[in-house]
Amino acid sequence: MIDKAKALHSLRPNAEWVIRDNELEWLDESQTQPTESEISVEQTRLQYTEDRVYPSIQEQLDMQYWDAVNGTTTWKDAIAQVKADNPKPE
């Protein structure tokens, strides 16, 4: 799971804060502190984007070329597998 610090950096890139004993101490007076729910949602979103890795564009184009030549579905199958293994969070 993506840690809280990474989610906070994503939500409030320039904010000042520290985490002590797993507790968030918000130091920034110019930005509002995100809620625990917002942080959790961002952790889930970041984890999804980290896990859902597609083949490179070069690899995908090669698959598409050979699928066209051979009448196969390698590219569609590869993309479908990534989507099946890493469904979008609700």
N, C-alpha and C. Protein backbone atom coordinates (compact mmCIF):
# COMPACT_ATOMS: atom_id res chain seq x y z
N MET A 1 0.84 -1.19 0.00
CA MET A 1 0.00 0.00 0.00
C MET A 1 0.88 1.24 0.00
N ILE A 2 0.44 2.24 -0.72
CA ILE A 2 1.14 3.52 -0.77
C ILE A 2 1.09 4.15 0.62
N ASP A 3 2.22 4.70 1.06
CA ASP A 3 2.23 5.28 2.40
C ASP A 3 1.56 6.65 2.44
N LYS A 4 1.23 7.07 3.63
CA LYS A 4 0.51 8.31 3.86
C LYS A 4 1.30 9.51 3.35
N ALA A 5 2.61 9.50 3.53
CA ALA A 5 3.45 10.63 3.10
C ALA A 5 3.34 10.84 1.59
N LYS A 6 3.39 9.78 0.83
CA LYS A 6 3.31 9.90 -0.62
C LYS A 6 1.95 10.47 -1.03
N ALA A 7 0.89 10.03 -0.37
CA ALA A 7 -0.45 10.55 -0.66
C ALA A 7 -0.54 12.03 -0.30
N LEU A 8 0.04 12.41 0.82
CA LEU A 8 0.02 13.83 1.22
C LEU A 8 0.79 14.69 0.23
N HIS A 9 1.94 14.21 -0.23
CA HIS A 9 2.70 14.96 -1.23
C HIS A 9 1.90 15.13 -2.51
N SER A 10 1.13 14.13 -2.86
CA SER A 10 0.31 14.20 -4.06
C SER A 10 -0.86 15.17 -3.88
N LEU A 11 -1.49 15.13 -2.72
CA LEU A 11 -2.66 15.98 -2.46
C LEU A 11 -2.29 17.45 -2.25
N ARG A 12 -1.23 17.68 -1.50
CA ARG A 12 -0.81 19.04 -1.16
C ARG A 12 0.71 19.15 -1.36
N PRO A 13 1.15 19.31 -2.64
CA PRO A 13 2.57 19.22 -2.97
C PRO A 13 3.50 20.15 -2.18
N ASN A 14 3.04 21.33 -1.83
CA ASN A 14 3.92 22.29 -1.16
C ASN A 14 3.59 22.51 0.31
N ALA A 15 2.76 21.66 0.86
CA ALA A 15 2.33 21.83 2.25
C ALA A 15 3.44 21.44 3.22
N GLU A 16 3.34 22.00 4.41
CA GLU A 16 4.28 21.68 5.48
C GLU A 16 3.57 20.83 6.52
N TRP A 17 4.15 19.68 6.82
CA TRP A 17 3.58 18.75 7.78
C TRP A 17 4.65 17.76 8.19
N VAL A 18 4.39 17.05 9.28
CA VAL A 18 5.26 15.96 9.71
C VAL A 18 4.39 14.82 10.21
N ILE A 19 4.95 13.63 10.16
CA ILE A 19 4.27 12.46 10.72
C ILE A 19 5.14 11.97 11.86
N ARG A 20 4.56 11.99 13.07
CA ARG A 20 5.27 11.53 14.27
C ARG A 20 4.45 10.42 14.90
N ASP A 21 5.11 9.31 15.15
CA ASP A 21 4.42 8.16 15.75
C ASP A 21 3.14 7.82 14.99
N ASN A 22 3.24 7.88 13.67
CA ASN A 22 2.14 7.56 12.77
C ASN A 22 0.97 8.55 12.87
N GLU A 23 1.19 9.70 13.49
CA GLU A 23 0.17 10.74 13.59
C GLU A 23 0.60 11.94 12.76
N LEU A 24 -0.33 12.46 11.97
CA LEU A 24 -0.06 13.61 11.13
C LEU A 24 -0.15 14.89 11.94
N GLU A 25 0.89 15.70 11.85
CA GLU A 25 0.88 17.03 12.47
C GLU A 25 0.93 18.04 11.33
N TRP A 26 -0.14 18.78 11.14
CA TRP A 26 -0.26 19.73 10.04
C TRP A 26 0.34 21.06 10.46
N LEU A 27 1.34 21.52 9.72
CA LEU A 27 2.04 22.76 10.07
C LEU A 27 1.71 23.91 9.13
N ASP A 28 1.08 23.62 8.04
CA ASP A 28 0.84 24.61 7.00
C ASP A 28 -0.41 25.42 7.30
N GLU A 29 -0.24 26.73 7.41
CA GLU A 29 -1.39 27.60 7.68
C GLU A 29 -2.04 28.11 6.41
N SER A 30 -1.40 27.90 5.27
CA SER A 30 -1.94 28.42 4.01
C SER A 30 -2.77 27.38 3.25
N GLN A 31 -2.70 26.12 3.68
CA GLN A 31 -3.47 25.07 3.01
C GLN A 31 -4.24 24.27 4.05
N THR A 32 -5.41 23.82 3.65
CA THR A 32 -6.21 23.02 4.57
C THR A 32 -5.65 21.60 4.65
N GLN A 33 -5.79 21.02 5.80
CA GLN A 33 -5.34 19.64 6.01
C GLN A 33 -6.34 18.70 5.36
N PRO A 34 -5.86 17.75 4.57
CA PRO A 34 -6.79 16.78 3.99
C PRO A 34 -7.35 15.86 5.07
N THR A 35 -8.56 15.39 4.86
CA THR A 35 -9.17 14.46 5.80
C THR A 35 -8.54 13.08 5.64
N GLU A 36 -8.74 12.22 6.63
CA GLU A 36 -8.24 10.85 6.55
C GLU A 36 -8.87 10.13 5.36
N SER A 37 -10.13 10.45 5.08
CA SER A 37 -10.82 9.85 3.93
C SER A 37 -10.16 10.29 2.62
N GLU A 38 -9.84 11.57 2.49
CA GLU A 38 -9.17 12.06 1.28
C GLU A 38 -7.81 11.41 1.10
N ILE A 39 -7.09 11.25 2.20
CA ILE A 39 -5.77 10.61 2.15
C ILE A 39 -5.91 9.15 1.73
N SER A 40 -6.88 8.46 2.29
CA SER A 40 -7.10 7.05 1.95
C SER A 40 -7.47 6.88 0.48
N VAL A 41 -8.35 7.74 -0.02
CA VAL A 41 -8.74 7.69 -1.43
C VAL A 41 -7.52 7.93 -2.32
N GLU A 42 -6.68 8.88 -1.94
CA GLU A 42 -5.48 9.17 -2.74
C GLU A 42 -4.50 8.01 -2.69
N GLN A 43 -4.36 7.36 -1.54
CA GLN A 43 -3.50 6.18 -1.45
C GLN A 43 -3.99 5.09 -2.40
N THR A 44 -5.28 4.87 -2.44
CA THR A 44 -5.86 3.87 -3.34
C THR A 44 -5.62 4.24 -4.79
N ARG A 45 -5.82 5.52 -5.13
CA ARG A 45 -5.62 5.98 -6.51
C ARG A 45 -4.16 5.81 -6.93
N LEU A 46 -3.25 6.20 -6.07
CA LEU A 46 -1.82 6.07 -6.39
C LEU A 46 -1.40 4.61 -6.53
N GLN A 47 -1.94 3.76 -5.67
CA GLN A 47 -1.62 2.34 -5.75
C GLN A 47 -2.12 1.75 -7.06
N TYR A 48 -3.31 2.14 -7.46
CA TYR A 48 -3.89 1.68 -8.72
C TYR A 48 -3.00 2.09 -9.90
N THR A 49 -2.58 3.36 -9.93
CA THR A 49 -1.76 3.82 -11.04
C THR A 49 -0.38 3.17 -11.02
N GLU A 50 0.10 2.82 -9.84
CA GLU A 50 1.40 2.15 -9.74
C GLU A 50 1.32 0.69 -10.20
N ASP A 51 0.23 0.02 -9.87
CA ASP A 51 0.07 -1.40 -10.19
C ASP A 51 -0.37 -1.65 -11.62
N ARG A 52 -1.16 -0.76 -12.17
CA ARG A 52 -1.73 -0.98 -13.50
C ARG A 52 -0.75 -0.51 -14.57
N VAL A 53 0.21 -1.37 -14.86
CA VAL A 53 1.28 -1.05 -15.81
C VAL A 53 1.04 -1.80 -17.11
N TYR A 54 0.93 -1.04 -18.16
CA TYR A 54 0.75 -1.61 -19.49
C TYR A 54 2.11 -1.84 -20.15
N PRO A 55 2.16 -2.72 -21.16
CA PRO A 55 3.39 -2.85 -21.93
C PRO A 55 3.75 -1.49 -22.55
N SER A 56 5.02 -1.28 -22.86
CA SER A 56 5.43 -0.02 -23.46
C SER A 56 4.72 0.19 -24.80
N ILE A 57 4.68 1.41 -25.25
CA ILE A 57 4.05 1.72 -26.54
C ILE A 57 4.73 0.92 -27.66
N GLN A 58 6.05 0.83 -27.61
CA GLN A 58 6.78 0.07 -28.63
C GLN A 58 6.32 -1.39 -28.64
N GLU A 59 6.20 -1.98 -27.43
CA GLU A 59 5.74 -3.36 -27.35
C GLU A 59 4.31 -3.51 -27.86
N GLN A 60 3.45 -2.55 -27.52
CA GLN A 60 2.07 -2.61 -27.97
C GLN A 60 1.96 -2.50 -29.49
N LEU A 61 2.75 -1.60 -30.07
CA LEU A 61 2.73 -1.46 -31.53
C LEU A 61 3.24 -2.73 -32.20
N ASP A 62 4.26 -3.35 -31.62
CA ASP A 62 4.77 -4.60 -32.18
C ASP A 62 3.69 -5.69 -32.10
N MET A 63 3.01 -5.77 -30.95
CA MET A 63 1.92 -6.75 -30.80
C MET A 63 0.84 -6.51 -31.85
N GLN A 64 0.48 -5.23 -32.05
CA GLN A 64 -0.58 -4.91 -33.01
C GLN A 64 -0.16 -5.27 -34.44
N TYR A 65 1.10 -5.01 -34.77
CA TYR A 65 1.59 -5.38 -36.09
C TYR A 65 1.48 -6.88 -36.30
N TRP A 66 2.01 -7.64 -35.36
CA TRP A 66 2.01 -9.10 -35.52
C TRP A 66 0.59 -9.68 -35.44
N ASP A 67 -0.28 -9.03 -34.67
CA ASP A 67 -1.68 -9.46 -34.67
C ASP A 67 -2.30 -9.28 -36.06
N ALA A 68 -1.98 -8.14 -36.71
CA ALA A 68 -2.51 -7.88 -38.05
C ALA A 68 -1.95 -8.88 -39.05
N VAL A 69 -0.68 -9.20 -38.93
CA VAL A 69 -0.04 -10.14 -39.85
C VAL A 69 -0.56 -11.56 -39.64
N ASN A 70 -0.68 -11.95 -38.38
CA ASN A 70 -1.01 -13.35 -38.05
C ASN A 70 -2.48 -13.61 -37.74
N GLY A 71 -3.28 -12.55 -37.69
CA GLY A 71 -4.69 -12.74 -37.35
C GLY A 71 -4.90 -13.16 -35.89
N THR A 72 -4.00 -12.73 -35.01
CA THR A 72 -4.09 -13.08 -33.59
C THR A 72 -4.64 -11.91 -32.77
N THR A 73 -4.79 -12.11 -31.47
CA THR A 73 -5.32 -11.07 -30.57
C THR A 73 -4.38 -10.84 -29.38
N THR A 74 -3.09 -10.95 -29.61
CA THR A 74 -2.12 -10.82 -28.53
C THR A 74 -2.23 -9.48 -27.81
N TRP A 75 -2.37 -8.39 -28.58
CA TRP A 75 -2.44 -7.06 -27.97
C TRP A 75 -3.70 -6.93 -27.12
N LYS A 76 -4.85 -7.28 -27.68
CA LYS A 76 -6.12 -7.18 -26.92
C LYS A 76 -6.06 -8.04 -25.67
N ASP A 77 -5.48 -9.22 -25.79
CA ASP A 77 -5.37 -10.12 -24.64
C ASP A 77 -4.47 -9.53 -23.55
N ALA A 78 -3.35 -8.92 -23.96
CA ALA A 78 -2.42 -8.33 -22.99
C ALA A 78 -3.06 -7.17 -22.24
N ILE A 79 -3.76 -6.30 -22.97
CA ILE A 79 -4.42 -5.15 -22.35
C ILE A 79 -5.55 -5.63 -21.43
N ALA A 80 -6.34 -6.59 -21.88
CA ALA A 80 -7.43 -7.13 -21.07
C ALA A 80 -6.90 -7.75 -19.78
N GLN A 81 -5.74 -8.41 -19.85
CA GLN A 81 -5.16 -9.03 -18.66
C GLN A 81 -4.74 -7.99 -17.64
N VAL A 82 -4.11 -6.91 -18.10
CA VAL A 82 -3.73 -5.83 -17.18
C VAL A 82 -4.97 -5.26 -16.50
N LYS A 83 -6.01 -5.01 -17.27
CA LYS A 83 -7.25 -4.48 -16.70
C LYS A 83 -7.90 -5.46 -15.72
N ALA A 84 -7.90 -6.73 -16.06
CA ALA A 84 -8.50 -7.74 -15.18
C ALA A 84 -7.71 -7.90 -13.88
N ASP A 85 -6.38 -7.83 -13.97
CA ASP A 85 -5.53 -7.99 -12.79
C ASP A 85 -5.58 -6.77 -11.88
N ASN A 86 -5.90 -5.61 -12.43
CA ASN A 86 -5.89 -4.36 -11.67
C ASN A 86 -7.13 -3.53 -11.98
N PRO A 87 -8.31 -3.94 -11.51
CA PRO A 87 -9.53 -3.19 -11.80
C PRO A 87 -9.49 -1.81 -11.14
N LYS A 88 -10.20 -0.89 -11.78
CA LYS A 88 -10.28 0.46 -11.22
C LYS A 88 -10.96 0.41 -9.86
N PRO A 89 -10.44 1.20 -8.89
CA PRO A 89 -11.08 1.23 -7.58
C PRO A 89 -12.46 1.90 -7.67
N GLU A 90 -13.34 1.49 -6.81
CA GLU A 90 -14.71 2.04 -6.78
C GLU A 90 -14.69 3.42 -6.22
